[in-house]
C-alpha atoms as a PDB file:
ATOM      1  CA  MET A   1      29.999 -43.939 -89.480  1.00  0.00           C
ATOM      2  CA  ASN A   2      32.069 -45.139 -86.527  1.00  0.00           C
ATOM      3  CA  THR A   3      32.772 -48.776 -87.387  1.00  0.00           C
ATOM      4  CA  GLN A   4      32.458 -49.658 -83.712  1.00  0.00           C
ATOM      5  CA  ARG A   5      28.745 -48.764 -83.976  1.00  0.00           C
ATOM      6  CA  ASP A   6      28.138 -49.958 -87.537  1.00  0.00           C
ATOM      7  CA  GLN A   7      25.034 -52.159 -87.347  1.00  0.00           C
ATOM      8  CA  SER A   8      25.874 -54.012 -90.575  1.00  0.00           C
ATOM      9  CA  TRP A   9      28.373 -56.453 -89.075  1.00  0.00           C
ATOM     10  CA  PRO A  10      27.028 -60.031 -88.980  1.00  0.00           C
ATOM     11  CA  VAL A  11      26.603 -61.336 -85.431  1.00  0.00           C
ATOM     12  CA  PRO A  12      29.210 -64.093 -84.799  1.00  0.00           C
ATOM     13  CA  ASP A  13      28.276 -67.612 -83.714  1.00  0.00           C
ATOM     14  CA  GLY A  14      27.840 -67.960 -79.973  1.00  0.00           C
ATOM     15  CA  VAL A  15      26.958 -64.273 -79.635  1.00  0.00           C
ATOM     16  CA  PHE A  16      23.716 -62.320 -79.154  1.00  0.00           C
ATOM     17  CA  GLY A  17      23.343 -58.985 -80.936  1.00  0.00           C
ATOM     18  CA  GLU A  18      20.895 -56.903 -78.910  1.00  0.00           C
ATOM     19  CA  THR A  19      19.467 -53.382 -79.166  1.00  0.00           C
ATOM     20  CA  VAL A  20      20.124 -50.595 -76.662  1.00  0.00           C
ATOM     21  CA  THR A  21      16.824 -49.450 -75.098  1.00  0.00           C
ATOM     22  CA  GLU A  22      18.104 -47.055 -72.382  1.00  0.00           C
ATOM     23  CA  VAL A  23      21.287 -45.163 -71.537  1.00  0.00           C
ATOM     24  CA  GLU A  24      21.823 -43.074 -68.398  1.00  0.00           C
ATOM     25  CA  HIS A  25      25.052 -41.237 -67.551  1.00  0.00           C
ATOM     26  CA  TYR A  26      25.689 -40.545 -63.861  1.00  0.00           C
ATOM     27  CA  THR A  27      29.102 -38.878 -63.961  1.00  0.00           C
ATOM     28  CA  ASP A  28      31.918 -38.441 -66.455  1.00  0.00           C
ATOM     29  CA  ARG A  29      33.131 -41.871 -65.304  1.00  0.00           C
ATOM     30  CA  LEU A  30      29.944 -43.940 -64.812  1.00  0.00           C
ATOM     31  CA  PHE A  31      26.868 -44.893 -66.819  1.00  0.00           C
ATOM     32  CA  ARG A  32      24.315 -47.667 -67.204  1.00  0.00           C
ATOM     33  CA  PHE A  33      22.536 -49.084 -70.235  1.00  0.00           C
ATOM     34  CA  ARG A  34      19.782 -51.573 -71.008  1.00  0.00           C
ATOM     35  CA  LEU A  35      19.475 -54.029 -73.874  1.00  0.00           C
ATOM     36  CA  THR A  36      16.695 -56.135 -75.279  1.00  0.00           C
ATOM     37  CA  ARG A  37      16.827 -59.683 -73.904  1.00  0.00           C
ATOM     38  CA  PRO A  38      16.886 -62.698 -76.216  1.00  0.00           C
ATOM     39  CA  ALA A  39      14.057 -65.130 -75.424  1.00  0.00           C
ATOM     40  CA  SER A  40      16.536 -67.997 -75.166  1.00  0.00           C
ATOM     41  CA  PHE A  41      18.992 -66.260 -72.797  1.00  0.00           C
ATOM     42  CA  ARG A  42      19.122 -67.676 -69.263  1.00  0.00           C
ATOM     43  CA  PHE A  43      21.398 -66.621 -66.408  1.00  0.00           C
ATOM     44  CA  ARG A  44      21.607 -66.719 -62.627  1.00  0.00           C
ATOM     45  CA  SER A  45      21.438 -63.402 -60.789  1.00  0.00           C
ATOM     46  CA  GLY A  46      25.018 -62.278 -60.069  1.00  0.00           C
ATOM     47  CA  GLU A  47      26.625 -63.783 -63.181  1.00  0.00           C
ATOM     48  CA  PHE A  48      28.559 -61.918 -65.875  1.00  0.00           C
ATOM     49  CA  VAL A  49      28.899 -62.115 -69.657  1.00  0.00           C
ATOM     50  CA  MET A  50      31.518 -60.983 -72.143  1.00  0.00           C
ATOM     51  CA  ILE A  51      30.442 -57.798 -73.942  1.00  0.00           C
ATOM     52  CA  GLY A  52      31.680 -56.386 -77.233  1.00  0.00           C
ATOM     53  CA  LEU A  53      30.657 -53.923 -79.928  1.00  0.00           C
ATOM     54  CA  PRO A  54      29.952 -54.772 -83.584  1.00  0.00           C
ATOM     55  CA  GLY A  55      33.125 -54.843 -85.625  1.00  0.00           C
ATOM     56  CA  GLU A  56      35.558 -57.062 -87.485  1.00  0.00           C
ATOM     57  CA  LYS A  57      37.667 -57.725 -84.391  1.00  0.00           C
ATOM     58  CA  PRO A  58      35.531 -56.877 -81.343  1.00  0.00           C
ATOM     59  CA  VAL A  59      37.188 -56.276 -77.976  1.00  0.00           C
ATOM     60  CA  TRP A  60      35.546 -58.411 -75.279  1.00  0.00           C
ATOM     61  CA  ARG A  61      35.301 -57.498 -71.596  1.00  0.00           C
ATOM     62  CA  ALA A  62      33.528 -59.115 -68.646  1.00  0.00           C
ATOM     63  CA  TYR A  63      30.437 -57.264 -67.424  1.00  0.00           C
ATOM     64  CA  SER A  64      28.232 -58.337 -64.535  1.00  0.00           C
ATOM     65  CA  ILE A  65      24.555 -58.386 -65.420  1.00  0.00           C
ATOM     66  CA  ALA A  66      22.938 -55.790 -63.165  1.00  0.00           C
ATOM     67  CA  SER A  67      19.331 -56.825 -63.781  1.00  0.00           C
ATOM     68  CA  PRO A  68      17.798 -59.839 -61.989  1.00  0.00           C
ATOM     69  CA  SER A  69      17.262 -63.154 -63.769  1.00  0.00           C
ATOM     70  CA  TRP A  70      13.503 -62.519 -64.130  1.00  0.00           C
ATOM     71  CA  ASP A  71      13.825 -59.152 -65.884  1.00  0.00           C
ATOM     72  CA  GLU A  72      12.622 -58.854 -69.480  1.00  0.00           C
ATOM     73  CA  THR A  73      15.594 -56.625 -70.379  1.00  0.00           C
ATOM     74  CA  ILE A  74      19.292 -56.762 -69.489  1.00  0.00           C
ATOM     75  CA  GLU A  75      21.025 -53.956 -67.599  1.00  0.00           C
ATOM     76  CA  PHE A  76      24.734 -53.212 -67.286  1.00  0.00           C
ATOM     77  CA  TYR A  77      26.645 -50.669 -65.195  1.00  0.00           C
ATOM     78  CA  SER A  78      29.920 -49.427 -66.652  1.00  0.00           C
ATOM     79  CA  ILE A  79      32.900 -47.221 -66.100  1.00  0.00           C
ATOM     80  CA  LYS A  80      34.261 -44.940 -68.817  1.00  0.00           C
ATOM     81  CA  VAL A  81      37.960 -45.350 -69.455  1.00  0.00           C
ATOM     82  CA  ALA A  82      39.694 -42.748 -71.616  1.00  0.00           C
ATOM     83  CA  GLY A  83      41.453 -44.750 -74.289  1.00  0.00           C
ATOM     84  CA  GLY A  84      39.953 -48.020 -73.002  1.00  0.00           C
ATOM     85  CA  PRO A  85      39.786 -50.552 -75.862  1.00  0.00           C
ATOM     86  CA  LEU A  86      36.066 -51.135 -75.229  1.00  0.00           C
ATOM     87  CA  THR A  87      34.721 -48.452 -72.900  1.00  0.00           C
ATOM     88  CA  GLU A  88      36.114 -45.585 -75.010  1.00  0.00           C
ATOM     89  CA  HIS A  89      33.494 -46.612 -77.594  1.00  0.00           C
ATOM     90  CA  LEU A  90      30.853 -48.210 -75.359  1.00  0.00           C
ATOM     91  CA  GLN A  91      30.267 -44.935 -73.490  1.00  0.00           C
ATOM     92  CA  LYS A  92      29.092 -43.365 -76.778  1.00  0.00           C
ATOM     93  CA  ILE A  93      26.262 -45.824 -77.454  1.00  0.00           C
ATOM     94  CA  GLY A  94      22.710 -44.537 -77.829  1.00  0.00           C
ATOM     95  CA  VAL A  95      19.206 -45.978 -77.974  1.00  0.00           C
ATOM     96  CA  GLY A  96      18.857 -48.124 -81.089  1.00  0.00           C
ATOM     97  CA  ASP A  97      22.528 -49.100 -81.296  1.00  0.00           C
ATOM     98  CA  GLN A  98      23.589 -52.715 -81.091  1.00  0.00           C
ATOM     99  CA  VAL A  99      25.749 -54.355 -78.418  1.00  0.00           C
ATOM    100  CA  TRP A 100      27.048 -57.903 -78.629  1.00  0.00           C
ATOM    101  CA  PHE A 101      27.432 -60.334 -75.755  1.00  0.00           C
ATOM    102  CA  ARG A 102      28.474 -63.945 -75.631  1.00  0.00           C
ATOM    103  CA  LYS A 103      25.764 -66.466 -74.945  1.00  0.00           C
ATOM    104  CA  LYS A 104      27.365 -68.222 -71.977  1.00  0.00           C
ATOM    105  CA  PRO A 105      27.085 -66.423 -68.609  1.00  0.00           C
ATOM    106  CA  THR A 106      29.335 -67.401 -65.711  1.00  0.00           C
ATOM    107  CA  GLY A 107      30.612 -66.128 -62.369  1.00  0.00           C
ATOM    108  CA  THR A 108      31.038 -66.926 -58.687  1.00  0.00           C
ATOM    109  CA  LEU A 109      28.716 -64.286 -57.181  1.00  0.00           C
ATOM    110  CA  VAL A 110      25.700 -66.577 -57.233  1.00  0.00           C
ATOM    111  CA  LEU A 111      23.573 -67.825 -54.373  1.00  0.00           C
ATOM    112  CA  ASP A 112      24.420 -71.459 -55.197  1.00  0.00           C
ATOM    113  CA  ALA A 113      28.080 -70.820 -54.324  1.00  0.00           C
ATOM    114  CA  LEU A 114      27.238 -70.013 -50.690  1.00  0.00           C
ATOM    115  CA  LEU A 115      26.259 -72.271 -47.809  1.00  0.00           C
ATOM    116  CA  PRO A 116      22.969 -71.463 -46.030  1.00  0.00           C
ATOM    117  CA  GLY A 117      23.200 -68.540 -43.602  1.00  0.00           C
ATOM    118  CA  LYS A 118      21.271 -65.780 -41.870  1.00  0.00           C
ATOM    119  CA  ARG A 119      22.794 -62.579 -43.304  1.00  0.00           C
ATOM    120  CA  LEU A 120      24.214 -61.946 -46.750  1.00  0.00           C
ATOM    121  CA  TRP A 121      26.855 -59.209 -46.915  1.00  0.00           C
ATOM    122  CA  MET A 122      27.664 -57.827 -50.377  1.00  0.00           C
ATOM    123  CA  ILE A 123      30.826 -55.706 -50.279  1.00  0.00           C
ATOM    124  CA  SER A 124      31.473 -53.516 -53.330  1.00  0.00           C
ATOM    125  CA  THR A 125      33.450 -50.596 -54.684  1.00  0.00           C
ATOM    126  CA  GLY A 126      32.799 -48.683 -57.917  1.00  0.00           C
ATOM    127  CA  THR A 127      31.079 -50.724 -60.621  1.00  0.00           C
ATOM    128  CA  GLY A 128      31.466 -53.772 -58.381  1.00  0.00           C
ATOM    129  CA  PHE A 129      27.941 -52.965 -57.220  1.00  0.00           C
ATOM    130  CA  ALA A 130      26.538 -54.313 -60.529  1.00  0.00           C
ATOM    131  CA  PRO A 131      26.102 -58.003 -59.599  1.00  0.00           C
ATOM    132  CA  PHE A 132      24.524 -56.963 -56.313  1.00  0.00           C
ATOM    133  CA  ALA A 133      22.035 -54.797 -58.230  1.00  0.00           C
ATOM    134  CA  SER A 134      20.961 -58.112 -59.741  1.00  0.00           C
ATOM    135  CA  LEU A 135      20.908 -60.100 -56.506  1.00  0.00           C
ATOM    136  CA  ILE A 136      18.989 -57.603 -54.348  1.00  0.00           C
ATOM    137  CA  ARG A 137      16.205 -57.679 -56.955  1.00  0.00           C
ATOM    138  CA  ASP A 138      15.953 -61.484 -56.925  1.00  0.00           C
ATOM    139  CA  PRO A 139      13.247 -62.972 -54.629  1.00  0.00           C
ATOM    140  CA  GLU A 140      15.415 -66.076 -54.173  1.00  0.00           C
ATOM    141  CA  ALA A 141      17.952 -64.034 -52.187  1.00  0.00           C
ATOM    142  CA  TYR A 142      15.241 -63.259 -49.621  1.00  0.00           C
ATOM    143  CA  GLU A 143      14.187 -66.900 -49.507  1.00  0.00           C
ATOM    144  CA  LYS A 144      17.724 -67.922 -48.573  1.00  0.00           C
ATOM    145  CA  PHE A 145      18.674 -65.064 -46.208  1.00  0.00           C
ATOM    146  CA  ASP A 146      16.848 -63.130 -43.498  1.00  0.00           C
ATOM    147  CA  GLN A 147      18.857 -59.970 -44.132  1.00  0.00           C
ATOM    148  CA  LEU A 148      20.758 -58.488 -47.092  1.00  0.00           C
ATOM    149  CA  ILE A 149      23.392 -55.807 -46.470  1.00  0.00           C
ATOM    150  CA  VAL A 150      25.107 -54.108 -49.410  1.00  0.00           C
ATOM    151  CA  THR A 151      28.058 -51.789 -48.962  1.00  0.00           C
ATOM    152  CA  HIS A 152      29.097 -49.517 -51.825  1.00  0.00           C
ATOM    153  CA  THR A 153      32.230 -47.389 -51.541  1.00  0.00           C
ATOM    154  CA  CYS A 154      33.298 -44.737 -54.056  1.00  0.00           C
ATOM    155  CA  ARG A 155      35.503 -41.670 -54.010  1.00  0.00           C
ATOM    156  CA  GLU A 156      32.706 -39.111 -54.461  1.00  0.00           C
ATOM    157  CA  VAL A 157      29.029 -38.859 -53.516  1.00  0.00           C
ATOM    158  CA  ALA A 158      27.857 -38.593 -57.160  1.00  0.00           C
ATOM    159  CA  GLU A 159      29.384 -41.996 -57.859  1.00  0.00           C
ATOM    160  CA  LEU A 160      26.944 -43.569 -55.388  1.00  0.00           C
ATOM    161  CA  ALA A 161      23.851 -42.531 -57.386  1.00  0.00           C
ATOM    162  CA  TYR A 162      23.333 -45.899 -59.068  1.00  0.00           C
ATOM    163  CA  SER A 163      23.371 -47.926 -55.853  1.00  0.00           C
ATOM    164  CA  LYS A 164      21.061 -45.454 -54.103  1.00  0.00           C
ATOM    165  CA  THR A 165      18.566 -45.367 -56.967  1.00  0.00           C
ATOM    166  CA  THR A 166      18.617 -49.124 -57.527  1.00  0.00           C
ATOM    167  CA  THR A 167      18.081 -49.891 -53.845  1.00  0.00           C
ATOM    168  CA  GLN A 168      15.181 -47.438 -53.632  1.00  0.00           C
ATOM    169  CA  GLN A 169      13.600 -48.887 -56.770  1.00  0.00           C
ATOM    170  CA  THR A 170      13.968 -52.373 -55.288  1.00  0.00           C
ATOM    171  CA  LEU A 171      12.105 -51.359 -52.141  1.00  0.00           C
ATOM    172  CA  GLU A 172       9.330 -49.872 -54.307  1.00  0.00           C
ATOM    173  CA  ASP A 173       9.202 -52.746 -56.806  1.00  0.00           C
ATOM    174  CA  PRO A 174       5.820 -54.536 -56.920  1.00  0.00           C
ATOM    175  CA  LEU A 175       7.491 -57.944 -57.207  1.00  0.00           C
ATOM    176  CA  VAL A 176      10.456 -57.662 -54.826  1.00  0.00           C
ATOM    177  CA  GLY A 177       9.537 -54.761 -52.542  1.00  0.00           C
ATOM    178  CA  GLU A 178       7.527 -56.847 -50.102  1.00  0.00           C
ATOM    179  CA  PHE A 179      10.507 -59.174 -49.592  1.00  0.00           C
ATOM    180  CA  ALA A 180      13.068 -56.369 -49.339  1.00  0.00           C
ATOM    181  CA  ASP A 181      11.124 -54.165 -46.941  1.00  0.00           C
ATOM    182  CA  GLY A 182      12.908 -54.132 -43.583  1.00  0.00           C
ATOM    183  CA  ARG A 183      15.439 -56.720 -44.772  1.00  0.00           C
ATOM    184  CA  LEU A 184      17.551 -54.858 -47.357  1.00  0.00           C
ATOM    185  CA  THR A 185      20.119 -52.319 -46.148  1.00  0.00           C
ATOM    186  CA  LEU A 186      22.450 -50.180 -48.271  1.00  0.00           C
ATOM    187  CA  VAL A 187      25.578 -48.695 -46.697  1.00  0.00           C
ATOM    188  CA  ASN A 188      27.223 -45.981 -48.798  1.00  0.00           C
ATOM    189  CA  THR A 189      30.706 -44.720 -47.940  1.00  0.00           C
ATOM    190  CA  THR A 190      33.076 -42.265 -49.624  1.00  0.00           C
ATOM    191  CA  THR A 191      36.847 -42.081 -49.471  1.00  0.00           C
ATOM    192  CA  GLN A 192      37.451 -38.516 -50.709  1.00  0.00           C
ATOM    193  CA  GLU A 193      34.363 -36.293 -50.737  1.00  0.00           C
ATOM    194  CA  GLN A 194      32.631 -35.551 -47.424  1.00  0.00           C
ATOM    195  CA  SER A 195      29.604 -37.759 -46.707  1.00  0.00           C
ATOM    196  CA  PRO A 196      27.736 -39.152 -43.662  1.00  0.00           C
ATOM    197  CA  LEU A 197      29.972 -42.256 -43.560  1.00  0.00           C
ATOM    198  CA  MET A 198      33.533 -41.969 -44.785  1.00  0.00           C
ATOM    199  CA  GLY A 199      36.410 -44.396 -45.170  1.00  0.00           C
ATOM    200  CA  ARG A 200      37.558 -47.501 -47.028  1.00  0.00           C
ATOM    201  CA  ILE A 201      35.229 -50.378 -46.264  1.00  0.00           C
ATOM    202  CA  THR A 202      38.136 -52.439 -44.942  1.00  0.00           C
ATOM    203  CA  THR A 203      39.007 -49.677 -42.447  1.00  0.00           C
ATOM    204  CA  LEU A 204      35.387 -49.506 -41.308  1.00  0.00           C
ATOM    205  CA  MET A 205      35.294 -53.285 -40.897  1.00  0.00           C
ATOM    206  CA  GLU A 206      38.584 -53.469 -39.004  1.00  0.00           C
ATOM    207  CA  SER A 207      37.677 -50.609 -36.647  1.00  0.00           C
ATOM    208  CA  GLY A 208      34.187 -51.959 -36.045  1.00  0.00           C
ATOM    209  CA  ALA A 209      32.634 -48.683 -37.256  1.00  0.00           C
ATOM    210  CA  LEU A 210      30.645 -50.529 -39.943  1.00  0.00           C
ATOM    211  CA  TYR A 211      29.032 -52.852 -37.422  1.00  0.00           C
ATOM    212  CA  ASP A 212      28.383 -50.006 -34.972  1.00  0.00           C
ATOM    213  CA  HIS A 213      26.716 -48.048 -37.772  1.00  0.00           C
ATOM    214  CA  LEU A 214      24.369 -50.956 -38.451  1.00  0.00           C
ATOM    215  CA  GLY A 215      23.905 -52.082 -34.854  1.00  0.00           C
ATOM    216  CA  LEU A 216      25.109 -55.562 -35.766  1.00  0.00           C
ATOM    217  CA  PRO A 217      27.843 -57.844 -34.433  1.00  0.00           C
ATOM    218  CA  ALA A 218      31.059 -58.360 -36.379  1.00  0.00           C
ATOM    219  CA  LEU A 219      31.122 -60.965 -39.135  1.00  0.00           C
ATOM    220  CA  ASP A 220      30.545 -64.492 -37.862  1.00  0.00           C
ATOM    221  CA  PRO A 221      31.089 -67.518 -40.153  1.00  0.00           C
ATOM    222  CA  GLU A 222      28.286 -69.347 -38.356  1.00  0.00           C
ATOM    223  CA  VAL A 223      25.566 -66.964 -39.571  1.00  0.00           C
ATOM    224  CA  ASP A 224      27.079 -64.528 -42.101  1.00  0.00           C
ATOM    225  CA  ARG A 225      27.866 -65.065 -45.775  1.00  0.00           C
ATOM    226  CA  VAL A 226      29.943 -62.605 -47.820  1.00  0.00           C
ATOM    227  CA  MET A 227      30.202 -61.678 -51.497  1.00  0.00           C
ATOM    228  CA  ILE A 228      32.988 -59.340 -52.636  1.00  0.00           C
ATOM    229  CA  CYS A 229      33.253 -57.391 -55.901  1.00  0.00           C
ATOM    230  CA  GLY A 230      35.296 -54.309 -56.807  1.00  0.00           C
ATOM    231  CA  SER A 231      38.863 -53.092 -57.018  1.00  0.00           C
ATOM    232  CA  MET A 232      41.766 -55.523 -56.767  1.00  0.00           C
ATOM    233  CA  ASP A 233      43.036 -53.954 -53.544  1.00  0.00           C
ATOM    234  CA  MET A 234      39.629 -54.173 -51.896  1.00  0.00           C
ATOM    235  CA  LEU A 235      39.127 -57.773 -52.987  1.00  0.00           C
ATOM    236  CA  LYS A 236      42.469 -58.784 -51.527  1.00  0.00           C
ATOM    237  CA  ASP A 237      41.986 -56.869 -48.280  1.00  0.00           C
ATOM    238  CA  VAL A 238      38.426 -58.035 -47.573  1.00  0.00           C
ATOM    239  CA  LYS A 239      39.351 -61.605 -48.497  1.00  0.00           C
ATOM    240  CA  THR A 240      42.174 -61.421 -45.942  1.00  0.00           C
ATOM    241  CA  LEU A 241      39.786 -60.039 -43.306  1.00  0.00           C
ATOM    242  CA  VAL A 242      37.104 -62.693 -43.731  1.00  0.00           C
ATOM    243  CA  GLU A 243      39.616 -65.539 -43.900  1.00  0.00           C
ATOM    244  CA  ALA A 244      41.158 -64.276 -40.668  1.00  0.00           C
ATOM    245  CA  ALA A 245      37.652 -64.386 -39.172  1.00  0.00           C
ATOM    246  CA  GLY A 246      37.365 -68.067 -40.085  1.00  0.00           C
ATOM    247  CA  PHE A 247      35.431 -67.873 -43.366  1.00  0.00           C
ATOM    248  CA  SER A 248      36.067 -70.439 -46.120  1.00  0.00           C
ATOM    249  CA  GLU A 249      35.898 -69.492 -49.802  1.00  0.00           C
ATOM    250  CA  GLY A 250      33.191 -71.092 -51.910  1.00  0.00           C
ATOM    251  CA  SER A 251      32.618 -71.799 -55.581  1.00  0.00           C
ATOM    252  CA  ASN A 252      29.947 -73.186 -57.858  1.00  0.00           C
ATOM    253  CA  ALA A 253      31.391 -76.654 -57.363  1.00  0.00           C
ATOM    254  CA  SER A 254      31.934 -76.350 -53.609  1.00  0.00           C
ATOM    255  CA  PRO A 255      29.757 -73.808 -51.707  1.00  0.00           C
ATOM    256  CA  GLY A 256      31.439 -71.877 -48.893  1.00  0.00           C
ATOM    257  CA  GLN A 257      31.018 -68.927 -46.561  1.00  0.00           C
ATOM    258  CA  PHE A 258      32.325 -66.221 -48.939  1.00  0.00           C
ATOM    259  CA  VAL A 259      32.898 -65.718 -52.656  1.00  0.00           C
ATOM    260  CA  VAL A 260      34.934 -63.240 -54.716  1.00  0.00           C
ATOM    261  CA  GLU A 261      34.417 -62.031 -58.287  1.00  0.00           C
ATOM    262  CA  ARG A 262      37.629 -61.450 -60.230  1.00  0.00           C
ATOM    263  CA  ALA A 263      36.233 -60.300 -63.595  1.00  0.00           C
ATOM    264  CA  PHE A 264      36.933 -56.675 -64.508  1.00  0.00           C
ATOM    265  CA  VAL A 265      35.996 -54.078 -67.078  1.00  0.00           C
ATOM    266  CA  GLY A 266      38.379 -51.936 -69.086  1.00  0.00           C
END
């Protein structure tokens, strides 16, 4: 048996060992999976945990929790990296296998890290959509903001499947749908394959095309709040854009007008 998936390893202290209940592969680079949720596990929507697989010396990587804080199971959205110390093995998991994660969640993409505002913009690329999959399904986000706008940029159309499906399921959800209806907007863009809206999100922001597409004014620190999660280049570029527009960065200790997540998977 592959020792990475050997269920006989004792679960270390400070770690939950949970069972895989669902796996769905979207492309040869992207998949999602669900785990059972320990009764004692608490987190805030938008936080991440360190994930590993059973073994003598597990490799740990940060993964945003993609399910909302009220969900009875825990969902994750992952890339597949050929030769990646963790994802090379994680992509092979099946229903019934065990995945470990550390008991302490953390992260900056939480509602508490932002000052009150009117619109919440969530800017993502690739698997950076994961924390926003959690937040758009949390009723508290709709209590704090009148409008939620999520942008998800990938190279190809197929890589947008998770954000499209999750947003649609949110609008149809019996708990959250009534809050999200008319207030949640998903903007999908591609950088390589032809699609209705193409271009890097930073280019679309700088040119104004993003705001024209939505019929909204450009970002305003008086009313808009921004969360950013994705590739290093995108994080840096969007951070530069919002700071130039007068936004101040927030944290759990000191709420601000935008926040950035710097945890990555590999």
